[in-house]
Amino acid sequence: MIYQTNLVYQMNIMDPKNFFYEMGPIRPPSEGRDSSLLIRATRNCPWNKCEFCPTYKNVKFESRRAEEIKKDIYVVKKLSEEIKEASWRFAFAGKVNQEVVRAIFQGNPEIYQGDLNSELKLQNLMNVANWLASGAKTVFLQDANTLIMRTPELIEVIKSLKENFPTIERVTSYARAKTCAKKSLEELKGLHEAGLSRLHVGLESGYDE
């Protein structure tokens, strides 16, 4: 097949300036391999003392409210709908490829060119496009210890993801061992039933200082 290189697709976005969602700095290599959707549930790390991890040094940990995270999920949903619409419009039958991404980039300069958040918005576009291309099956909740969130709010976030994207098969996150130990069995069961599939726990020395 010979692809066209001059395709242009203008998205129907009410507020282009704020059409972005937060993304943290890292994810496990396996989540990159699987092209996981990255949703930032917390910012930075509440412990921040592990010698093996310099990622969050000198930055303050912040928790995000479920409603704030759900607004990011809405942006992802809208962006995914626009990507799919562009694919069908250009006769790619829903397939997400470079031509679709390029058409969206070229058709929306007010979003992806010259804006203060243009780099983040472009990262959003690539993250969602790669996620859709891989089947939209996996999600990684950033940052370093999402399990520290209040259990009802974390369950609310996970349920929102599953409701908006029925294709999701796996939701994973980072967690600290002590945080896991503080959760009751009922809380952990509730998180699992909501859709939390796996936790990546860093190995620590056990030395308190």
Protein backbone atom coordinates (compact mmCIF):
# COMPACT_ATOMS: atom_id res chain seq x y z
CA MET A 1 0.00 0.00 0.00
CA ILE A 2 1.23 3.51 -0.85
CA TYR A 3 0.49 5.95 1.96
CA GLN A 4 -0.32 9.59 1.37
CA THR A 5 1.98 12.03 3.15
CA ASN A 6 -0.13 15.19 2.88
CA LEU A 7 -3.09 14.10 5.01
CA VAL A 8 -4.49 16.68 7.43
CA TYR A 9 -7.05 16.04 10.16
CA GLN A 10 -8.44 18.81 12.35
CA MET A 11 -9.77 17.58 15.69
CA ASN A 12 -12.96 18.93 17.21
CA ILE A 13 -11.54 20.20 20.51
CA MET A 14 -13.41 22.85 22.51
CA ASP A 15 -10.40 23.98 24.58
CA PRO A 16 -7.14 23.32 22.67
CA LYS A 17 -5.03 25.14 25.27
CA ASN A 18 -5.96 22.66 28.00
CA PHE A 19 -6.19 19.54 25.85
CA PHE A 20 -3.54 17.47 27.60
CA TYR A 21 -3.15 15.01 30.46
CA GLU A 22 -0.32 14.62 32.94
CA MET A 23 2.42 12.06 32.38
CA GLY A 24 5.16 11.12 34.84
CA PRO A 25 8.83 10.60 33.94
CA ILE A 26 9.18 6.79 34.08
CA ARG A 27 7.48 3.40 33.81
CA PRO A 28 8.79 -0.20 34.02
CA PRO A 29 10.42 -1.53 30.81
CA SER A 30 7.62 -4.09 30.43
CA GLU A 31 5.06 -1.30 30.22
CA GLY A 32 7.06 0.30 27.41
CA ARG A 33 7.23 -3.02 25.60
CA ASP A 34 3.45 -3.35 25.84
CA SER A 35 2.85 0.32 24.86
CA SER A 36 0.84 0.87 28.04
CA LEU A 37 -1.29 3.95 28.51
CA LEU A 38 0.38 6.14 31.16
CA ILE A 39 -1.93 7.82 33.68
CA ARG A 40 -0.38 9.93 36.44
CA ALA A 41 -2.28 9.12 39.64
CA THR A 42 0.29 10.66 42.01
CA ARG A 43 3.23 13.00 41.50
CA ASN A 44 6.77 11.96 42.45
CA CYS A 45 7.66 9.74 45.42
CA PRO A 46 6.61 9.95 49.11
CA TRP A 47 9.69 7.99 50.28
CA ASN A 48 12.39 9.27 47.93
CA LYS A 49 15.34 7.75 49.80
CA CYS A 50 16.20 4.69 47.71
CA GLU A 51 19.82 4.78 46.56
CA PHE A 52 18.99 3.04 43.28
CA CYS A 53 16.45 5.67 42.15
CA PRO A 54 17.43 9.31 41.43
CA THR A 55 14.22 10.08 39.51
CA TYR A 56 12.32 12.14 42.07
CA LYS A 57 15.12 13.76 44.06
CA ASN A 58 14.46 17.33 45.23
CA VAL A 59 10.82 17.30 44.17
CA LYS A 60 7.84 17.16 46.53
CA PHE A 61 5.37 14.29 46.54
CA GLU A 62 1.79 15.25 45.71
CA SER A 63 -1.36 13.17 45.71
CA ARG A 64 -3.99 13.80 43.03
CA ARG A 65 -7.72 13.65 43.65
CA ALA A 66 -9.79 11.09 41.78
CA GLU A 67 -11.80 13.81 40.02
CA GLU A 68 -8.61 15.39 38.69
CA ILE A 69 -7.36 12.05 37.38
CA LYS A 70 -10.74 11.32 35.80
CA LYS A 71 -10.46 14.59 33.86
CA ASP A 72 -7.20 13.23 32.42
CA ILE A 73 -9.00 10.00 31.52
CA TYR A 74 -11.61 12.09 29.68
CA VAL A 75 -8.83 13.73 27.62
CA VAL A 76 -7.46 10.28 26.76
CA LYS A 77 -10.92 9.12 25.70
CA LYS A 78 -11.49 12.17 23.51
CA LEU A 79 -8.04 11.87 21.95
CA SER A 80 -8.54 8.16 21.26
CA GLU A 81 -11.89 8.90 19.59
CA GLU A 82 -10.30 11.54 17.36
CA ILE A 83 -7.45 9.20 16.40
CA LYS A 84 -9.91 6.46 15.45
CA GLU A 85 -12.06 8.93 13.48
CA ALA A 86 -8.99 10.12 11.55
CA SER A 87 -8.08 6.52 10.72
CA TRP A 88 -11.53 5.77 9.33
CA ARG A 89 -11.70 9.05 7.42
CA PHE A 90 -8.49 8.22 5.58
CA ALA A 91 -9.57 4.64 4.80
CA PHE A 92 -7.26 2.91 7.27
CA ALA A 93 -10.27 1.05 8.76
CA GLY A 94 -9.43 1.97 12.35
CA LYS A 95 -5.75 1.06 12.10
CA VAL A 96 -3.48 3.55 13.86
CA ASN A 97 -0.29 4.24 11.93
CA GLN A 98 2.24 7.01 11.30
CA GLU A 99 0.06 8.60 8.62
CA VAL A 100 -2.82 9.02 11.08
CA VAL A 101 -0.55 10.54 13.74
CA ARG A 102 1.07 12.85 11.20
CA ALA A 103 -2.33 14.00 9.90
CA ILE A 104 -3.41 14.95 13.43
CA PHE A 105 -0.14 16.72 14.15
CA GLN A 106 -0.31 18.73 10.92
CA GLY A 107 -3.98 19.55 11.30
CA ASN A 108 -3.79 20.94 14.83
CA PRO A 109 -0.91 23.44 15.08
CA GLU A 110 -2.67 25.30 17.90
CA ILE A 111 -2.25 22.16 20.02
CA TYR A 112 1.05 20.64 18.90
CA GLN A 113 3.10 23.62 17.76
CA GLY A 114 4.13 26.72 19.68
CA ASP A 115 2.07 26.14 22.83
CA LEU A 116 3.70 26.08 26.28
CA ASN A 117 2.55 22.48 26.71
CA SER A 118 3.16 21.40 23.10
CA GLU A 119 5.83 18.85 24.04
CA LEU A 120 3.58 17.18 26.62
CA LYS A 121 0.64 17.23 24.19
CA LEU A 122 2.76 15.52 21.55
CA GLN A 123 3.82 12.91 24.13
CA ASN A 124 0.11 12.38 24.87
CA LEU A 125 -0.63 11.88 21.17
CA MET A 126 2.17 9.34 20.76
CA ASN A 127 1.27 7.51 23.98
CA VAL A 128 -2.40 7.12 23.05
CA ALA A 129 -1.65 6.28 19.41
CA ASN A 130 0.85 3.55 20.35
CA TRP A 131 -1.56 2.25 22.98
CA LEU A 132 -4.41 2.01 20.47
CA ALA A 133 -2.12 0.40 17.89
CA SER A 134 -1.21 -2.32 20.40
CA GLY A 135 -4.85 -3.06 21.24
CA ALA A 136 -5.44 -0.66 24.17
CA LYS A 137 -5.02 -3.51 26.65
CA THR A 138 -2.65 -2.28 29.35
CA VAL A 139 -2.47 0.77 31.65
CA PHE A 140 0.27 1.88 34.04
CA LEU A 141 -0.61 4.23 36.89
CA GLN A 142 2.25 6.62 37.64
CA ASP A 143 4.23 7.79 39.73
CA ALA A 144 6.35 5.93 42.31
CA ASN A 145 3.77 4.72 44.84
CA THR A 146 0.19 5.01 43.62
CA LEU A 147 -0.97 2.51 46.24
CA ILE A 148 -0.56 5.28 48.84
CA MET A 149 -3.79 6.84 47.55
CA ARG A 150 -6.93 6.40 49.63
CA THR A 151 -8.33 3.05 48.56
CA PRO A 152 -11.83 4.32 47.59
CA GLU A 153 -10.32 7.01 45.34
CA LEU A 154 -7.92 4.57 43.68
CA ILE A 155 -10.79 2.15 43.08
CA GLU A 156 -12.79 5.02 41.56
CA VAL A 157 -9.94 5.79 39.15
CA ILE A 158 -9.51 2.15 38.11
CA LYS A 159 -13.25 1.72 37.56
CA SER A 160 -13.33 4.88 35.45
CA LEU A 161 -10.58 3.49 33.25
CA LYS A 162 -12.35 0.16 32.81
CA GLU A 163 -15.71 1.82 32.10
CA ASN A 164 -14.28 4.20 29.50
CA PHE A 165 -12.03 1.60 27.86
CA PRO A 166 -13.58 -1.91 27.94
CA THR A 167 -10.55 -3.30 26.07
CA ILE A 168 -8.32 -2.91 29.16
CA GLU A 169 -7.05 -6.26 30.41
CA ARG A 170 -4.32 -5.18 32.84
CA VAL A 171 -3.77 -2.23 35.20
CA THR A 172 -0.42 -2.02 36.99
CA SER A 173 1.50 0.44 39.14
CA TYR A 174 4.54 0.96 41.34
CA ALA A 175 4.19 0.45 45.10
CA ARG A 176 6.37 0.43 48.19
CA ALA A 177 6.43 -2.71 50.35
CA LYS A 178 5.48 -0.81 53.52
CA THR A 179 2.52 0.77 51.74
CA CYS A 180 1.32 -2.66 50.61
CA ALA A 181 1.62 -3.94 54.18
CA LYS A 182 -0.53 -1.09 55.50
CA LYS A 183 -3.45 -1.98 53.26
CA SER A 184 -5.96 -4.38 54.75
CA LEU A 185 -6.80 -7.64 53.00
CA GLU A 186 -10.25 -6.21 52.22
CA GLU A 187 -8.69 -3.14 50.60
CA LEU A 188 -6.34 -5.23 48.48
CA LYS A 189 -9.20 -7.49 47.42
CA GLY A 190 -11.28 -4.44 46.52
CA LEU A 191 -8.47 -3.04 44.37
CA HIS A 192 -8.01 -6.37 42.63
CA GLU A 193 -11.73 -6.73 41.97
CA ALA A 194 -11.80 -3.19 40.54
CA GLY A 195 -9.10 -4.18 38.07
CA LEU A 196 -5.66 -3.61 39.62
CA SER A 197 -3.71 -6.55 38.23
CA ARG A 198 -0.07 -6.14 39.26
CA LEU A 199 2.26 -4.06 41.42
CA HIS A 200 5.97 -3.44 40.79
CA VAL A 201 7.69 -3.26 44.21
CA GLY A 202 11.30 -2.03 44.43
CA LEU A 203 13.76 -4.10 46.46
CA GLU A 204 15.00 -2.17 49.50
CA SER A 205 17.70 -3.10 52.00
CA GLY A 206 15.50 -3.18 55.08
CA TYR A 207 17.80 -0.65 56.75
CA ASP A 208 15.64 2.14 58.23
CA GLU A 209 18.07 4.93 57.44
